[in-house]
Amino acid sequence: MNIVNRYNRTKGDRVALPHISAHSLRHTGCTRMSEAGVDPKVLQYIMGHSRIAVTMEVYNHVSSERNRKEMDKLEKIRLIG
C-alpha cells in the first residue's frame, strides 16, 4: 500500500497529505539540486542519466524566481545592465 494512502487513512486530526508520486519527487529533487548549484555533470551522475540532455531538459526546471536570481548575479558582475 502507498505510504501516503496509509497515512491519510489513519491521520485522525492531522492534515491529509496530497498524492505525490516518486516521479514528481525525482523532478523536484533534480531541480532543487540544480538551484543549489550542484554541477550539471554531477547531477547527471546522481540522477543516473546516460545523457546530460535528459537531466537538463526533462528533469531540471526553471522558475521565474530562479531566472531572476541568475539575472541579478549577471548584473552584479556587470555583464548586463
PDB file of N, CA and C in Angstrom:
ATOM      1  N   MET A   1       0.842  -1.187   0.000  1.00  0.00           N
ATOM      2  CA  MET A   1       0.000   0.000   0.000  1.00  0.00           C
ATOM      3  C   MET A   1       0.885   1.247   0.000  1.00  0.00           C
ATOM      4  N   ASN A   2       0.453   2.245  -0.680  1.00  0.00           N
ATOM      5  CA  ASN A   2       1.145   3.519  -0.764  1.00  0.00           C
ATOM      6  C   ASN A   2       1.201   4.177   0.614  1.00  0.00           C
ATOM      7  N   ILE A   3       2.391   4.687   0.998  1.00  0.00           N
ATOM      8  CA  ILE A   3       2.567   5.284   2.316  1.00  0.00           C
ATOM      9  C   ILE A   3       1.674   6.506   2.531  1.00  0.00           C
ATOM     10  N   VAL A   4       1.442   7.296   1.478  1.00  0.00           N
ATOM     11  CA  VAL A   4       0.566   8.466   1.598  1.00  0.00           C
ATOM     12  C   VAL A   4      -0.867   8.015   1.865  1.00  0.00           C
ATOM     13  N   ASN A   5      -1.331   7.005   1.149  1.00  0.00           N
ATOM     14  CA  ASN A   5      -2.689   6.490   1.368  1.00  0.00           C
ATOM     15  C   ASN A   5      -2.837   5.936   2.786  1.00  0.00           C
ATOM     16  N   ARG A   6      -1.823   5.224   3.255  1.00  0.00           N
ATOM     17  CA  ARG A   6      -1.867   4.665   4.608  1.00  0.00           C
ATOM     18  C   ARG A   6      -1.927   5.782   5.650  1.00  0.00           C
ATOM     19  N   TYR A   7      -1.099   6.806   5.466  1.00  0.00           N
ATOM     20  CA  TYR A   7      -1.108   7.944   6.381  1.00  0.00           C
ATOM     21  C   TYR A   7      -2.470   8.623   6.374  1.00  0.00           C
ATOM     22  N   ASN A   8      -2.981   8.897   5.205  1.00  0.00           N
ATOM     23  CA  ASN A   8      -4.267   9.602   5.090  1.00  0.00           C
ATOM     24  C   ASN A   8      -5.420   8.790   5.684  1.00  0.00           C
ATOM     25  N   ARG A   9      -5.353   7.490   5.568  1.00  0.00           N
ATOM     26  CA  ARG A   9      -6.415   6.636   6.096  1.00  0.00           C
ATOM     27  C   ARG A   9      -6.431   6.647   7.628  1.00  0.00           C
ATOM     28  N   THR A  10      -5.255   6.859   8.242  1.00  0.00           N
ATOM     29  CA  THR A  10      -5.147   6.793   9.705  1.00  0.00           C
ATOM     30  C   THR A  10      -4.760   8.131  10.318  1.00  0.00           C
ATOM     31  N   LYS A  11      -4.950   9.220   9.606  1.00  0.00           N
ATOM     32  CA  LYS A  11      -4.433  10.519  10.020  1.00  0.00           C
ATOM     33  C   LYS A  11      -5.121  11.120  11.236  1.00  0.00           C
ATOM     34  N   GLY A  12      -6.343  10.751  11.521  1.00  0.00           N
ATOM     35  CA  GLY A  12      -7.049  11.343  12.655  1.00  0.00           C
ATOM     36  C   GLY A  12      -7.250  12.833  12.431  1.00  0.00           C
ATOM     37  N   ASP A  13      -6.756  13.670  13.353  1.00  0.00           N
ATOM     38  CA  ASP A  13      -6.919  15.125  13.275  1.00  0.00           C
ATOM     39  C   ASP A  13      -5.854  15.800  12.407  1.00  0.00           C
ATOM     40  N   ARG A  14      -4.862  15.045  11.959  1.00  0.00           N
ATOM     41  CA  ARG A  14      -3.788  15.633  11.152  1.00  0.00           C
ATOM     42  C   ARG A  14      -4.285  15.959   9.749  1.00  0.00           C
ATOM     43  N   VAL A  15      -3.605  16.893   9.093  1.00  0.00           N
ATOM     44  CA  VAL A  15      -3.948  17.287   7.726  1.00  0.00           C
ATOM     45  C   VAL A  15      -3.542  16.171   6.770  1.00  0.00           C
ATOM     46  N   ALA A  16      -4.402  15.878   5.815  1.00  0.00           N
ATOM     47  CA  ALA A  16      -4.115  14.836   4.835  1.00  0.00           C
ATOM     48  C   ALA A  16      -2.981  15.273   3.918  1.00  0.00           C
ATOM     49  N   LEU A  17      -2.173  14.323   3.507  1.00  0.00           N
ATOM     50  CA  LEU A  17      -1.086  14.587   2.562  1.00  0.00           C
ATOM     51  C   LEU A  17      -1.619  14.498   1.139  1.00  0.00           C
ATOM     52  N   PRO A  18      -1.121  15.359   0.247  1.00  0.00           N
ATOM     53  CA  PRO A  18      -1.533  15.254  -1.160  1.00  0.00           C
ATOM     54  C   PRO A  18      -0.851  14.050  -1.805  1.00  0.00           C
ATOM     55  N   HIS A  19      -1.422  13.567  -2.883  1.00  0.00           N
ATOM     56  CA  HIS A  19      -0.778  12.479  -3.615  1.00  0.00           C
ATOM     57  C   HIS A  19       0.457  13.034  -4.332  1.00  0.00           C
ATOM     58  N   ILE A  20       1.608  12.511  -4.017  1.00  0.00           N
ATOM     59  CA  ILE A  20       2.862  12.912  -4.656  1.00  0.00           C
ATOM     60  C   ILE A  20       3.551  11.637  -5.109  1.00  0.00           C
ATOM     61  N   SER A  21       3.785  11.534  -6.394  1.00  0.00           N
ATOM     62  CA  SER A  21       4.422  10.326  -6.918  1.00  0.00           C
ATOM     63  C   SER A  21       5.937  10.396  -6.749  1.00  0.00           C
ATOM     64  N   ALA A  22       6.562   9.244  -6.785  1.00  0.00           N
ATOM     65  CA  ALA A  22       8.018   9.193  -6.738  1.00  0.00           C
ATOM     66  C   ALA A  22       8.609   9.961  -7.918  1.00  0.00           C
ATOM     67  N   HIS A  23       7.932   9.917  -9.040  1.00  0.00           N
ATOM     68  CA  HIS A  23       8.400  10.627 -10.225  1.00  0.00           C
ATOM     69  C   HIS A  23       8.405  12.142  -9.979  1.00  0.00           C
ATOM     70  N   SER A  24       7.363  12.656  -9.337  1.00  0.00           N
ATOM     71  CA  SER A  24       7.318  14.091  -9.003  1.00  0.00           C
ATOM     72  C   SER A  24       8.439  14.463  -8.053  1.00  0.00           C
ATOM     73  N   LEU A  25       8.700  13.602  -7.088  1.00  0.00           N
ATOM     74  CA  LEU A  25       9.795  13.863  -6.145  1.00  0.00           C
ATOM     75  C   LEU A  25      11.142  13.876  -6.862  1.00  0.00           C
ATOM     76  N   ARG A  26      11.280  13.009  -7.851  1.00  0.00           N
ATOM     77  CA  ARG A  26      12.526  12.952  -8.628  1.00  0.00           C
ATOM     78  C   ARG A  26      12.748  14.263  -9.395  1.00  0.00           C
ATOM     79  N   HIS A  27      11.711  14.766 -10.043  1.00  0.00           N
ATOM     80  CA  HIS A  27      11.811  16.048 -10.756  1.00  0.00           C
ATOM     81  C   HIS A  27      12.151  17.171  -9.787  1.00  0.00           C
ATOM     82  N   THR A  28      11.438  17.222  -8.667  1.00  0.00           N
ATOM     83  CA  THR A  28      11.669  18.266  -7.672  1.00  0.00           C
ATOM     84  C   THR A  28      13.078  18.184  -7.115  1.00  0.00           C
ATOM     85  N   GLY A  29      13.527  16.981  -6.799  1.00  0.00           N
ATOM     86  CA  GLY A  29      14.876  16.808  -6.264  1.00  0.00           C
ATOM     87  C   GLY A  29      15.937  17.289  -7.231  1.00  0.00           C
ATOM     88  N   CYS A  30      15.798  16.963  -8.502  1.00  0.00           N
ATOM     89  CA  CYS A  30      16.758  17.389  -9.516  1.00  0.00           C
ATOM     90  C   CYS A  30      16.774  18.904  -9.633  1.00  0.00           C
ATOM     91  N   THR A  31      15.595  19.497  -9.661  1.00  0.00           N
ATOM     92  CA  THR A  31      15.506  20.954  -9.775  1.00  0.00           C
ATOM     93  C   THR A  31      16.136  21.627  -8.561  1.00  0.00           C
ATOM     94  N   ARG A  32      15.836  21.142  -7.363  1.00  0.00           N
ATOM     95  CA  ARG A  32      16.385  21.754  -6.148  1.00  0.00           C
ATOM     96  C   ARG A  32      17.908  21.611  -6.081  1.00  0.00           C
ATOM     97  N   MET A  33      18.435  20.462  -6.506  1.00  0.00           N
ATOM     98  CA  MET A  33      19.888  20.294  -6.519  1.00  0.00           C
ATOM     99  C   MET A  33      20.528  21.267  -7.494  1.00  0.00           C
ATOM    100  N   SER A  34      19.908  21.452  -8.648  1.00  0.00           N
ATOM    101  CA  SER A  34      20.419  22.396  -9.625  1.00  0.00           C
ATOM    102  C   SER A  34      20.370  23.818  -9.076  1.00  0.00           C
ATOM    103  N   GLU A  35      19.264  24.182  -8.428  1.00  0.00           N
ATOM    104  CA  GLU A  35      19.134  25.510  -7.822  1.00  0.00           C
ATOM    105  C   GLU A  35      20.194  25.740  -6.752  1.00  0.00           C
ATOM    106  N   ALA A  36      20.600  24.664  -6.087  1.00  0.00           N
ATOM    107  CA  ALA A  36      21.610  24.762  -5.030  1.00  0.00           C
ATOM    108  C   ALA A  36      23.024  24.848  -5.593  1.00  0.00           C
ATOM    109  N   GLY A  37      23.135  24.734  -6.915  1.00  0.00           N
ATOM    110  CA  GLY A  37      24.440  24.891  -7.543  1.00  0.00           C
ATOM    111  C   GLY A  37      25.203  23.607  -7.791  1.00  0.00           C
ATOM    112  N   VAL A  38      24.533  22.456  -7.698  1.00  0.00           N
ATOM    113  CA  VAL A  38      25.207  21.188  -7.983  1.00  0.00           C
ATOM    114  C   VAL A  38      25.660  21.199  -9.439  1.00  0.00           C
ATOM    115  N   ASP A  39      26.908  20.831  -9.669  1.00  0.00           N
ATOM    116  CA  ASP A  39      27.484  20.783 -11.007  1.00  0.00           C
ATOM    117  C   ASP A  39      26.608  19.907 -11.914  1.00  0.00           C
ATOM    118  N   PRO A  40      26.292  20.373 -13.129  1.00  0.00           N
ATOM    119  CA  PRO A  40      25.418  19.597 -14.025  1.00  0.00           C
ATOM    120  C   PRO A  40      25.906  18.173 -14.303  1.00  0.00           C
ATOM    121  N   LYS A  41      27.196  17.959 -14.457  1.00  0.00           N
ATOM    122  CA  LYS A  41      27.706  16.606 -14.711  1.00  0.00           C
ATOM    123  C   LYS A  41      27.520  15.724 -13.483  1.00  0.00           C
ATOM    124  N   VAL A  42      27.716  16.301 -12.302  1.00  0.00           N
ATOM    125  CA  VAL A  42      27.491  15.546 -11.070  1.00  0.00           C
ATOM    126  C   VAL A  42      26.007  15.232 -10.929  1.00  0.00           C
ATOM    127  N   LEU A  43      25.173  16.193 -11.262  1.00  0.00           N
ATOM    128  CA  LEU A  43      23.731  15.987 -11.203  1.00  0.00           C
ATOM    129  C   LEU A  43      23.304  14.880 -12.161  1.00  0.00           C
ATOM    130  N   GLN A  44      23.887  14.853 -13.336  1.00  0.00           N
ATOM    131  CA  GLN A  44      23.613  13.784 -14.298  1.00  0.00           C
ATOM    132  C   GLN A  44      23.945  12.426 -13.679  1.00  0.00           C
ATOM    133  N   TYR A  45      25.089  12.349 -13.021  1.00  0.00           N
ATOM    134  CA  TYR A  45      25.518  11.101 -12.392  1.00  0.00           C
ATOM    135  C   TYR A  45      24.558  10.702 -11.266  1.00  0.00           C
ATOM    136  N   ILE A  46      24.196  11.665 -10.413  1.00  0.00           N
ATOM    137  CA  ILE A  46      23.277  11.393  -9.304  1.00  0.00           C
ATOM    138  C   ILE A  46      21.944  10.866  -9.831  1.00  0.00           C
ATOM    139  N   MET A  47      21.455  11.485 -10.897  1.00  0.00           N
ATOM    140  CA  MET A  47      20.155  11.097 -11.453  1.00  0.00           C
ATOM    141  C   MET A  47      20.232   9.779 -12.224  1.00  0.00           C
ATOM    142  N   GLY A  48      21.434   9.368 -12.603  1.00  0.00           N
ATOM    143  CA  GLY A  48      21.597   8.108 -13.324  1.00  0.00           C
ATOM    144  C   GLY A  48      21.284   8.190 -14.803  1.00  0.00           C
ATOM    145  N   HIS A  49      21.412   9.384 -15.375  1.00  0.00           N
ATOM    146  CA  HIS A  49      21.125   9.565 -16.801  1.00  0.00           C
ATOM    147  C   HIS A  49      22.372   9.319 -17.636  1.00  0.00           C
ATOM    148  N   SER A  50      22.198   8.656 -18.767  1.00  0.00           N
ATOM    149  CA  SER A  50      23.341   8.412 -19.652  1.00  0.00           C
ATOM    150  C   SER A  50      23.682   9.652 -20.464  1.00  0.00           C
ATOM    151  N   ARG A  51      22.694  10.533 -20.665  1.00  0.00           N
ATOM    152  CA  ARG A  51      22.921  11.762 -21.426  1.00  0.00           C
ATOM    153  C   ARG A  51      22.552  12.969 -20.570  1.00  0.00           C
ATOM    154  N   ILE A  52      23.412  13.975 -20.569  1.00  0.00           N
ATOM    155  CA  ILE A  52      23.150  15.171 -19.777  1.00  0.00           C
ATOM    156  C   ILE A  52      21.927  15.919 -20.282  1.00  0.00           C
ATOM    157  N   ALA A  53      21.598  15.755 -21.556  1.00  0.00           N
ATOM    158  CA  ALA A  53      20.420  16.422 -22.120  1.00  0.00           C
ATOM    159  C   ALA A  53      19.151  16.006 -21.384  1.00  0.00           C
ATOM    160  N   VAL A  54      19.069  14.741 -20.985  1.00  0.00           N
ATOM    161  CA  VAL A  54      17.893  14.274 -20.245  1.00  0.00           C
ATOM    162  C   VAL A  54      17.809  15.005 -18.914  1.00  0.00           C
ATOM    163  N   THR A  55      18.926  15.104 -18.225  1.00  0.00           N
ATOM    164  CA  THR A  55      18.960  15.784 -16.926  1.00  0.00           C
ATOM    165  C   THR A  55      18.550  17.237 -17.068  1.00  0.00           C
ATOM    166  N   MET A  56      19.116  17.914 -18.041  1.00  0.00           N
ATOM    167  CA  MET A  56      18.908  19.350 -18.151  1.00  0.00           C
ATOM    168  C   MET A  56      17.583  19.725 -18.801  1.00  0.00           C
ATOM    169  N   GLU A  57      17.090  18.918 -19.723  1.00  0.00           N
ATOM    170  CA  GLU A  57      15.876  19.280 -20.454  1.00  0.00           C
ATOM    171  C   GLU A  57      14.603  18.694 -19.860  1.00  0.00           C
ATOM    172  N   VAL A  58      14.695  17.539 -19.254  1.00  0.00           N
ATOM    173  CA  VAL A  58      13.495  16.876 -18.754  1.00  0.00           C
ATOM    174  C   VAL A  58      13.313  17.068 -17.252  1.00  0.00           C
ATOM    175  N   TYR A  59      14.391  16.965 -16.491  1.00  0.00           N
ATOM    176  CA  TYR A  59      14.278  16.965 -15.034  1.00  0.00           C
ATOM    177  C   TYR A  59      14.614  18.288 -14.371  1.00  0.00           C
ATOM    178  N   ASN A  60      15.237  19.180 -15.053  1.00  0.00           N
ATOM    179  CA  ASN A  60      15.683  20.441 -14.461  1.00  0.00           C
ATOM    180  C   ASN A  60      14.752  21.552 -14.938  1.00  0.00           C
ATOM    181  N   HIS A  61      14.004  22.145 -14.013  1.00  0.00           N
ATOM    182  CA  HIS A  61      13.006  23.146 -14.376  1.00  0.00           C
ATOM    183  C   HIS A  61      13.425  24.531 -13.908  1.00  0.00           C
ATOM    184  N   VAL A  62      13.095  25.553 -14.684  1.00  0.00           N
ATOM    185  CA  VAL A  62      13.450  26.929 -14.353  1.00  0.00           C
ATOM    186  C   VAL A  62      12.181  27.705 -14.010  1.00  0.00           C
ATOM    187  N   SER A  63      12.181  28.307 -12.837  1.00  0.00           N
ATOM    188  CA  SER A  63      11.054  29.149 -12.435  1.00  0.00           C
ATOM    189  C   SER A  63      11.416  30.606 -12.698  1.00  0.00           C
ATOM    190  N   SER A  64      10.420  31.475 -12.649  1.00  0.00           N
ATOM    191  CA  SER A  64      10.702  32.900 -12.843  1.00  0.00           C
ATOM    192  C   SER A  64      11.579  33.424 -11.711  1.00  0.00           C
ATOM    193  N   GLU A  65      11.402  32.913 -10.515  1.00  0.00           N
ATOM    194  CA  GLU A  65      12.241  33.311  -9.372  1.00  0.00           C
ATOM    195  C   GLU A  65      13.697  32.905  -9.612  1.00  0.00           C
ATOM    196  N   ARG A  66      13.893  31.690 -10.073  1.00  0.00           N
ATOM    197  CA  ARG A  66      15.250  31.206 -10.358  1.00  0.00           C
ATOM    198  C   ARG A  66      15.894  32.037 -11.459  1.00  0.00           C
ATOM    199  N   ASN A  67      15.140  32.356 -12.481  1.00  0.00           N
ATOM    200  CA  ASN A  67      15.643  33.173 -13.578  1.00  0.00           C
ATOM    201  C   ASN A  67      16.043  34.562 -13.073  1.00  0.00           C
ATOM    202  N   ARG A  68      15.207  35.161 -12.225  1.00  0.00           N
ATOM    203  CA  ARG A  68      15.501  36.487 -11.682  1.00  0.00           C
ATOM    204  C   ARG A  68      16.797  36.479 -10.865  1.00  0.00           C
ATOM    205  N   LYS A  69      16.993  35.457 -10.050  1.00  0.00           N
ATOM    206  CA  LYS A  69      18.213  35.367  -9.238  1.00  0.00           C
ATOM    207  C   LYS A  69      19.459  35.286 -10.119  1.00  0.00           C
ATOM    208  N   GLU A  70      19.367  34.541 -11.198  1.00  0.00           N
ATOM    209  CA  GLU A  70      20.514  34.419 -12.101  1.00  0.00           C
ATOM    210  C   GLU A  70      20.786  35.735 -12.817  1.00  0.00           C
ATOM    211  N   MET A  71      19.737  36.448 -13.191  1.00  0.00           N
ATOM    212  CA  MET A  71      19.921  37.751 -13.835  1.00  0.00           C
ATOM    213  C   MET A  71      20.531  38.753 -12.852  1.00  0.00           C
ATOM    214  N   ASP A  72      20.138  38.682 -11.580  1.00  0.00           N
ATOM    215  CA  ASP A  72      20.732  39.540 -10.553  1.00  0.00           C
ATOM    216  C   ASP A  72      22.237  39.288 -10.435  1.00  0.00           C
ATOM    217  N   LYS A  73      22.638  38.025 -10.533  1.00  0.00           N
ATOM    218  CA  LYS A  73      24.066  37.696 -10.487  1.00  0.00           C
ATOM    219  C   LYS A  73      24.811  38.356 -11.649  1.00  0.00           C
ATOM    220  N   LEU A  74      24.204  38.287 -12.833  1.00  0.00           N
ATOM    221  CA  LEU A  74      24.852  38.876 -14.003  1.00  0.00           C
ATOM    222  C   LEU A  74      24.977  40.397 -13.864  1.00  0.00           C
ATOM    223  N   GLU A  75      23.970  41.025 -13.310  1.00  0.00           N
ATOM    224  CA  GLU A  75      24.033  42.478 -13.102  1.00  0.00           C
ATOM    225  C   GLU A  75      25.177  42.839 -12.148  1.00  0.00           C
ATOM    226  N   LYS A  76      25.392  42.031 -11.134  1.00  0.00           N
ATOM    227  CA  LYS A  76      26.434  42.305 -10.143  1.00  0.00           C
ATOM    228  C   LYS A  76      27.829  42.232 -10.748  1.00  0.00           C
ATOM    229  N   ILE A  77      28.002  41.365 -11.753  1.00  0.00           N
ATOM    230  CA  ILE A  77      29.326  41.290 -12.380  1.00  0.00           C
ATOM    231  C   ILE A  77      29.376  42.131 -13.661  1.00  0.00           C
ATOM    232  N   ARG A  78      28.321  42.910 -13.867  1.00  0.00           N
ATOM    233  CA  ARG A  78      28.223  43.891 -14.952  1.00  0.00           C
ATOM    234  C   ARG A  78      28.308  43.278 -16.364  1.00  0.00           C
ATOM    235  N   LEU A  79      27.748  42.090 -16.510  1.00  0.00           N
ATOM    236  CA  LEU A  79      27.653  41.508 -17.849  1.00  0.00           C
ATOM    237  C   LEU A  79      26.451  42.073 -18.585  1.00  0.00           C
ATOM    238  N   ILE A  80      25.464  42.523 -17.811  1.00  0.00           N
ATOM    239  CA  ILE A  80      24.295  43.141 -18.419  1.00  0.00           C
ATOM    240  C   ILE A  80      23.963  44.398 -17.618  1.00  0.00           C
ATOM    241  N   GLY A  81      23.199  45.302 -18.210  1.00  0.00           N
ATOM    242  CA  GLY A  81      22.701  46.469 -17.494  1.00  0.00           C
ATOM    243  C   GLY A  81      23.614  47.639 -17.408  1.00  0.00           C
TER     244      GLY A  81
END
